[in-house]
Amino acid sequence: MGENYKGRLCIATGAARGIGKACAAKFAEYGGDVVMVDINKKVLEKSAAEIAAKYGVKIYAYVVDISSFEACEQFMAEVNAKIGTVDVLANCAGITVAKHMIDLTPAEWERVMGVNLRSIWCLSQLFAKQLKATGKTKGNIVSISSQASKIGESANGVYSISKAGINSLTQVLGLEYAEYGISVSAVCPGYVNTEMVQEVFQKRSIVEGKTPEEYEKELTSGVAMGRMCEPEEVADLMAFLAGGRADYITGVTVTIAGGKTLI
């Protein structure tokens, strides 16, 4: 049974590629209109055109630096004024830095935290305020966390820490936003077959003194299912959590990691 997003307006960040694009496509497949957000204008517009052509719903592309609260405020105000009230917020944007913590710079820390964690607080607050202002009593927030939020990863420390913050933020927002009819959840994927993860294998293998092939094998060897996750599998889970049938699920993180050890 598929979800029904007809008549709902959805935002998906990090939507130019990977999980964000898959999530935007899934919302569109189920009939929702989608605001796709990314910093990469060229790739974003290409992905938006593909999804619009395939599913025939309204797709909007916005280039936004979501690490800036001011940029988020301006973006949400424009969406509300020109398109309407947003019903679903899918926080999929994320970046990482392949460095050991001893070598990490303050600028790198701030950038990763800004994109991965602060942006979710910013957009979630703005999302809740616009729902409250219009008198709507139902909304859904679903965010991408990571298995790295539950088991720290070497040469991926600031990413792991930012994702652990998402888990805590999800719990708090689940408690606080319930009175507005908003369910809040997060998804913790394992190794997903995206360009970003392949780039991670390339960059972190150098830091760890291994070949990309050796490093990928080492990281994925503990996956019981014996393969990487596909972006569409994560998008399916996110669409369910935000699709109405799971509204009583709030303040929790759901792991989708193929049985990775210790998860």
Foldseek 3Di string as FASTA:
>chain_A
DAFAAAPAEEEFEPCLWFLSVLLQLSSLQNHYEYEYEYQDVVSQVVSQVVSCVVRVHHYHYDYFPLLDLVRLVVVLVCCCVPPRQHAEYEQEDADFFQAAPVPDDPVRLSSRLSNLAVSLVSNVVSNLVSLVVVVHQAHEYEYEAAVCCVPPDGSGHSNNVSSVNVLVVQLVCCVVSVRSRYAGEYEHEYAEPIPRSLVVLCRNCVVVVHHSVVSVCVRCVQQQQNDHHYSNVVSRVVCVCGRPPNSVHGSYYHYDYNRRPPD
